[in-house]
Amino acid sequence: MPKLIFVDSEGTEKSVEAENGLSVMEVARDNDLEIEGTCGGSISCCTCHVIIDKDWFSIVGGPNPDEEDMLDLAVGLQPTSRLGCQIEVSDKLDGLRLLIPEE
């Protein structure tokens, strides 16, 4: 199983094993990492906003147009911001580092 590394706004890291096929939002929510995911992954909120480590952004890829529209509402938006509900866990993401922005 791939491991994802979540970093909170204070710099504390938590490495979690993630099942392939789940979204980053589901992994974070299931591990009590302060990601809400209010809309359940339907791209109608930005409560699963994460910031992808710049070294990983080209692997994860950028947001689709619907996601970009919703990210405009996110607090602390960065060039590598994504919605966690739109990132599917796979083996290629083993070691992925994500910052959970302060809401």
N, C-alpha and C. Protein backbone atom coordinates (compact mmCIF):
# COMPACT_ATOMS: atom_id res chain seq x y z
N MET A 1 0.84 -1.18 0.00
CA MET A 1 0.00 0.00 0.00
C MET A 1 0.88 1.24 0.00
N PRO A 2 0.52 2.23 -0.80
CA PRO A 2 1.30 3.47 -0.80
C PRO A 2 1.17 4.20 0.54
N LYS A 3 2.21 4.94 0.89
CA LYS A 3 2.17 5.79 2.08
C LYS A 3 2.08 7.23 1.63
N LEU A 4 1.20 7.98 2.27
CA LEU A 4 1.07 9.41 2.03
C LEU A 4 1.53 10.13 3.28
N ILE A 5 2.20 11.25 3.10
CA ILE A 5 2.69 12.04 4.22
C ILE A 5 1.92 13.35 4.27
N PHE A 6 1.14 13.51 5.32
CA PHE A 6 0.36 14.73 5.53
C PHE A 6 1.10 15.62 6.53
N VAL A 7 1.19 16.90 6.21
CA VAL A 7 1.85 17.87 7.08
C VAL A 7 0.82 18.91 7.46
N ASP A 8 0.61 19.10 8.77
CA ASP A 8 -0.38 20.10 9.19
C ASP A 8 0.24 21.49 9.19
N SER A 9 -0.56 22.49 9.50
CA SER A 9 -0.12 23.88 9.42
C SER A 9 0.99 24.21 10.42
N GLU A 10 1.19 23.35 11.42
CA GLU A 10 2.26 23.57 12.39
C GLU A 10 3.53 22.80 12.04
N GLY A 11 3.49 22.05 10.91
CA GLY A 11 4.66 21.32 10.47
C GLY A 11 4.75 19.89 10.96
N THR A 12 3.74 19.44 11.70
CA THR A 12 3.72 18.07 12.19
C THR A 12 3.37 17.12 11.04
N GLU A 13 4.18 16.09 10.87
CA GLU A 13 3.97 15.13 9.79
C GLU A 13 3.31 13.87 10.31
N LYS A 14 2.44 13.30 9.48
CA LYS A 14 1.84 12.00 9.79
C LYS A 14 1.85 11.19 8.51
N SER A 15 2.49 10.04 8.57
CA SER A 15 2.55 9.13 7.44
C SER A 15 1.46 8.08 7.62
N VAL A 16 0.65 7.89 6.58
CA VAL A 16 -0.43 6.91 6.66
C VAL A 16 -0.41 6.01 5.42
N GLU A 17 -0.78 4.76 5.63
CA GLU A 17 -0.93 3.85 4.51
C GLU A 17 -2.27 4.12 3.87
N ALA A 18 -2.30 4.11 2.55
CA ALA A 18 -3.51 4.46 1.81
C ALA A 18 -3.85 3.35 0.83
N GLU A 19 -5.10 3.00 0.78
CA GLU A 19 -5.56 1.97 -0.13
C GLU A 19 -5.72 2.54 -1.53
N ASN A 20 -5.19 1.84 -2.52
CA ASN A 20 -5.36 2.27 -3.90
C ASN A 20 -6.84 2.40 -4.23
N GLY A 21 -7.16 3.45 -5.00
CA GLY A 21 -8.54 3.68 -5.41
C GLY A 21 -9.29 4.65 -4.54
N LEU A 22 -8.84 4.86 -3.30
CA LEU A 22 -9.46 5.86 -2.44
C LEU A 22 -8.98 7.24 -2.87
N SER A 23 -9.71 8.26 -2.47
CA SER A 23 -9.23 9.62 -2.72
C SER A 23 -8.38 10.07 -1.54
N VAL A 24 -7.54 11.06 -1.78
CA VAL A 24 -6.75 11.65 -0.70
C VAL A 24 -7.67 12.16 0.40
N MET A 25 -8.82 12.72 0.04
CA MET A 25 -9.78 13.20 1.02
C MET A 25 -10.24 12.06 1.92
N GLU A 26 -10.59 10.92 1.34
CA GLU A 26 -11.07 9.78 2.13
C GLU A 26 -9.98 9.28 3.07
N VAL A 27 -8.75 9.21 2.58
CA VAL A 27 -7.63 8.76 3.41
C VAL A 27 -7.43 9.71 4.59
N ALA A 28 -7.43 11.01 4.32
CA ALA A 28 -7.23 12.00 5.38
C ALA A 28 -8.38 11.95 6.39
N ARG A 29 -9.60 11.89 5.90
CA ARG A 29 -10.77 11.86 6.79
C ARG A 29 -10.76 10.61 7.65
N ASP A 30 -10.44 9.46 7.05
CA ASP A 30 -10.42 8.20 7.79
C ASP A 30 -9.31 8.15 8.84
N ASN A 31 -8.31 9.02 8.69
CA ASN A 31 -7.20 9.06 9.65
C ASN A 31 -7.25 10.30 10.54
N ASP A 32 -8.41 10.95 10.62
CA ASP A 32 -8.63 12.11 11.50
C ASP A 32 -7.60 13.21 11.29
N LEU A 33 -7.38 13.59 10.03
CA LEU A 33 -6.37 14.57 9.71
C LEU A 33 -6.94 15.96 9.40
N GLU A 34 -8.05 16.29 9.97
CA GLU A 34 -8.64 17.62 9.87
C GLU A 34 -8.98 18.04 8.46
N ILE A 35 -9.38 17.08 7.64
CA ILE A 35 -9.94 17.37 6.33
C ILE A 35 -11.38 16.93 6.38
N GLU A 36 -12.26 17.86 6.04
CA GLU A 36 -13.68 17.60 6.23
C GLU A 36 -14.33 16.88 5.05
N GLY A 37 -14.17 17.40 3.87
CA GLY A 37 -14.82 16.79 2.71
C GLY A 37 -16.33 16.85 2.79
N THR A 38 -16.86 18.02 3.08
CA THR A 38 -18.28 18.22 3.32
C THR A 38 -19.16 17.70 2.19
N CYS A 39 -18.76 17.91 0.95
CA CYS A 39 -19.62 17.53 -0.18
C CYS A 39 -19.46 16.07 -0.58
N GLY A 40 -18.55 15.36 0.08
CA GLY A 40 -18.37 13.95 -0.21
C GLY A 40 -17.65 13.66 -1.51
N GLY A 41 -17.02 14.65 -2.09
CA GLY A 41 -16.24 14.43 -3.31
C GLY A 41 -16.92 14.84 -4.59
N SER A 42 -17.96 15.64 -4.49
CA SER A 42 -18.70 16.05 -5.69
C SER A 42 -18.24 17.39 -6.27
N ILE A 43 -17.10 17.88 -5.83
CA ILE A 43 -16.52 19.16 -6.28
C ILE A 43 -17.49 20.33 -6.08
N SER A 44 -18.17 20.33 -4.94
CA SER A 44 -19.06 21.46 -4.67
C SER A 44 -18.69 22.18 -3.37
N CYS A 45 -17.48 21.93 -2.87
CA CYS A 45 -16.95 22.69 -1.74
C CYS A 45 -15.43 22.64 -1.84
N CYS A 46 -14.75 23.27 -0.91
CA CYS A 46 -13.29 23.20 -0.94
C CYS A 46 -12.74 22.81 0.43
N THR A 47 -13.53 22.05 1.19
CA THR A 47 -13.11 21.66 2.54
C THR A 47 -12.10 20.51 2.54
N CYS A 48 -11.73 20.02 1.37
CA CYS A 48 -10.68 19.00 1.29
C CYS A 48 -9.44 19.57 0.59
N HIS A 49 -9.32 20.89 0.59
CA HIS A 49 -8.18 21.57 -0.03
C HIS A 49 -6.87 21.10 0.59
N VAL A 50 -5.95 20.67 -0.26
CA VAL A 50 -4.59 20.31 0.16
C VAL A 50 -3.60 21.00 -0.77
N ILE A 51 -2.40 21.15 -0.29
CA ILE A 51 -1.34 21.74 -1.10
C ILE A 51 -0.30 20.63 -1.35
N ILE A 52 -0.10 20.33 -2.61
CA ILE A 52 0.82 19.27 -3.00
C ILE A 52 2.25 19.81 -2.92
N ASP A 53 3.15 19.03 -2.34
CA ASP A 53 4.56 19.39 -2.33
C ASP A 53 5.01 19.66 -3.76
N LYS A 54 5.75 20.71 -3.97
CA LYS A 54 6.11 21.12 -5.34
C LYS A 54 6.84 20.03 -6.12
N ASP A 55 7.60 19.18 -5.42
CA ASP A 55 8.32 18.10 -6.09
C ASP A 55 7.39 16.99 -6.59
N TRP A 56 6.17 16.98 -6.09
CA TRP A 56 5.19 15.96 -6.45
C TRP A 56 4.13 16.46 -7.42
N PHE A 57 4.04 17.75 -7.62
CA PHE A 57 2.92 18.30 -8.39
C PHE A 57 2.87 17.78 -9.83
N SER A 58 4.02 17.61 -10.46
CA SER A 58 4.01 17.12 -11.84
C SER A 58 3.54 15.67 -11.91
N ILE A 59 3.73 14.91 -10.85
CA ILE A 59 3.27 13.52 -10.81
C ILE A 59 1.77 13.46 -10.56
N VAL A 60 1.31 14.26 -9.61
CA VAL A 60 -0.12 14.29 -9.27
C VAL A 60 -0.91 14.93 -10.42
N GLY A 61 -0.37 15.99 -10.97
CA GLY A 61 -1.05 16.70 -12.04
C GLY A 61 -1.90 17.84 -11.51
N GLY A 62 -2.29 18.71 -12.41
CA GLY A 62 -3.08 19.89 -12.05
C GLY A 62 -4.56 19.61 -11.98
N PRO A 63 -5.31 20.58 -11.50
CA PRO A 63 -6.76 20.43 -11.36
C PRO A 63 -7.48 20.52 -12.70
N ASN A 64 -8.66 19.90 -12.74
CA ASN A 64 -9.52 20.04 -13.92
C ASN A 64 -10.27 21.37 -13.80
N PRO A 65 -10.95 21.84 -14.85
CA PRO A 65 -11.61 23.15 -14.80
C PRO A 65 -12.64 23.30 -13.67
N ASP A 66 -13.43 22.26 -13.39
CA ASP A 66 -14.41 22.35 -12.29
C ASP A 66 -13.70 22.51 -10.95
N GLU A 67 -12.62 21.78 -10.79
CA GLU A 67 -11.84 21.86 -9.56
C GLU A 67 -11.21 23.25 -9.42
N GLU A 68 -10.70 23.79 -10.51
CA GLU A 68 -10.11 25.14 -10.48
C GLU A 68 -11.14 26.17 -10.01
N ASP A 69 -12.36 26.05 -10.50
CA ASP A 69 -13.42 26.98 -10.08
C ASP A 69 -13.66 26.92 -8.58
N MET A 70 -13.68 25.72 -8.02
CA MET A 70 -13.92 25.56 -6.59
C MET A 70 -12.71 26.00 -5.77
N LEU A 71 -11.52 25.76 -6.29
CA LEU A 71 -10.30 26.17 -5.57
C LEU A 71 -10.22 27.68 -5.40
N ASP A 72 -10.86 28.43 -6.29
CA ASP A 72 -10.87 29.89 -6.16
C ASP A 72 -11.46 30.33 -4.83
N LEU A 73 -12.24 29.47 -4.18
CA LEU A 73 -12.87 29.79 -2.90
C LEU A 73 -12.05 29.33 -1.71
N ALA A 74 -10.96 28.62 -1.96
CA ALA A 74 -10.17 28.03 -0.87
C ALA A 74 -9.32 29.08 -0.16
N VAL A 75 -9.20 28.90 1.15
CA VAL A 75 -8.32 29.74 1.96
C VAL A 75 -6.89 29.26 1.78
N GLY A 76 -5.97 30.18 1.59
CA GLY A 76 -4.56 29.82 1.49
C GLY A 76 -4.18 29.16 0.18
N LEU A 77 -4.86 29.51 -0.88
CA LEU A 77 -4.62 28.93 -2.20
C LEU A 77 -3.16 29.11 -2.62
N GLN A 78 -2.56 28.05 -3.15
CA GLN A 78 -1.18 28.06 -3.62
C GLN A 78 -1.15 27.52 -5.05
N PRO A 79 -0.06 27.73 -5.78
CA PRO A 79 0.03 27.22 -7.15
C PRO A 79 -0.12 25.70 -7.25
N THR A 80 0.20 24.98 -6.18
CA THR A 80 0.08 23.52 -6.21
C THR A 80 -1.12 23.02 -5.42
N SER A 81 -2.11 23.88 -5.23
CA SER A 81 -3.33 23.48 -4.52
C SER A 81 -4.17 22.53 -5.35
N ARG A 82 -4.78 21.59 -4.66
CA ARG A 82 -5.72 20.64 -5.28
C ARG A 82 -6.82 20.34 -4.27
N LEU A 83 -7.90 19.77 -4.76
CA LEU A 83 -8.94 19.24 -3.89
C LEU A 83 -8.61 17.76 -3.67
N GLY A 84 -8.51 17.37 -2.42
CA GLY A 84 -8.15 16.00 -2.11
C GLY A 84 -9.12 14.97 -2.66
N CYS A 85 -10.37 15.37 -2.84
CA CYS A 85 -11.37 14.44 -3.37
C CYS A 85 -11.11 14.08 -4.82
N GLN A 86 -10.28 14.84 -5.49
CA GLN A 86 -10.03 14.63 -6.91
C GLN A 86 -8.69 13.93 -7.19
N ILE A 87 -8.01 13.52 -6.13
CA ILE A 87 -6.73 12.82 -6.30
C ILE A 87 -6.92 11.38 -5.86
N GLU A 88 -6.80 10.47 -6.81
CA GLU A 88 -6.96 9.05 -6.52
C GLU A 88 -5.62 8.44 -6.14
N VAL A 89 -5.63 7.73 -5.03
CA VAL A 89 -4.42 7.07 -4.55
C VAL A 89 -4.06 5.92 -5.49
N SER A 90 -2.77 5.85 -5.83
CA SER A 90 -2.23 4.74 -6.62
C SER A 90 -0.79 4.53 -6.17
N ASP A 91 -0.20 3.43 -6.62
CA ASP A 91 1.18 3.13 -6.24
C ASP A 91 2.15 4.24 -6.64
N LYS A 92 1.84 4.97 -7.71
CA LYS A 92 2.76 6.03 -8.15
C LYS A 92 2.82 7.20 -7.16
N LEU A 93 1.87 7.24 -6.21
CA LEU A 93 1.85 8.31 -5.22
C LEU A 93 2.51 7.91 -3.90
N ASP A 94 3.18 6.76 -3.87
CA ASP A 94 3.86 6.32 -2.66
C ASP A 94 4.91 7.37 -2.25
N GLY A 95 4.76 7.92 -1.06
CA GLY A 95 5.66 8.96 -0.56
C GLY A 95 5.17 10.37 -0.78
N LEU A 96 3.99 10.53 -1.38
CA LEU A 96 3.43 11.86 -1.66
C LEU A 96 3.34 12.69 -0.38
N ARG A 97 3.81 13.93 -0.47
CA ARG A 97 3.73 14.87 0.65
C ARG A 97 2.66 15.92 0.34
N LEU A 98 1.78 16.11 1.34
CA LEU A 98 0.69 17.07 1.19
C LEU A 98 0.61 17.95 2.43
N LEU A 99 0.42 19.23 2.23
CA LEU A 99 0.21 20.15 3.34
C LEU A 99 -1.29 20.37 3.51
N ILE A 100 -1.74 20.27 4.74
CA ILE A 100 -3.13 20.59 5.06
C ILE A 100 -3.13 22.05 5.51
N PRO A 101 -3.70 22.94 4.70
CA PRO A 101 -3.64 24.37 5.06
C PRO A 101 -4.49 24.68 6.28
N GLU A 102 -4.09 25.72 6.98
CA GLU A 102 -4.88 26.17 8.13
C GLU A 102 -6.16 26.80 7.61
N GLU A 103 -7.27 26.37 8.12
CA GLU A 103 -8.57 26.88 7.66
C GLU A 103 -8.98 28.07 8.49
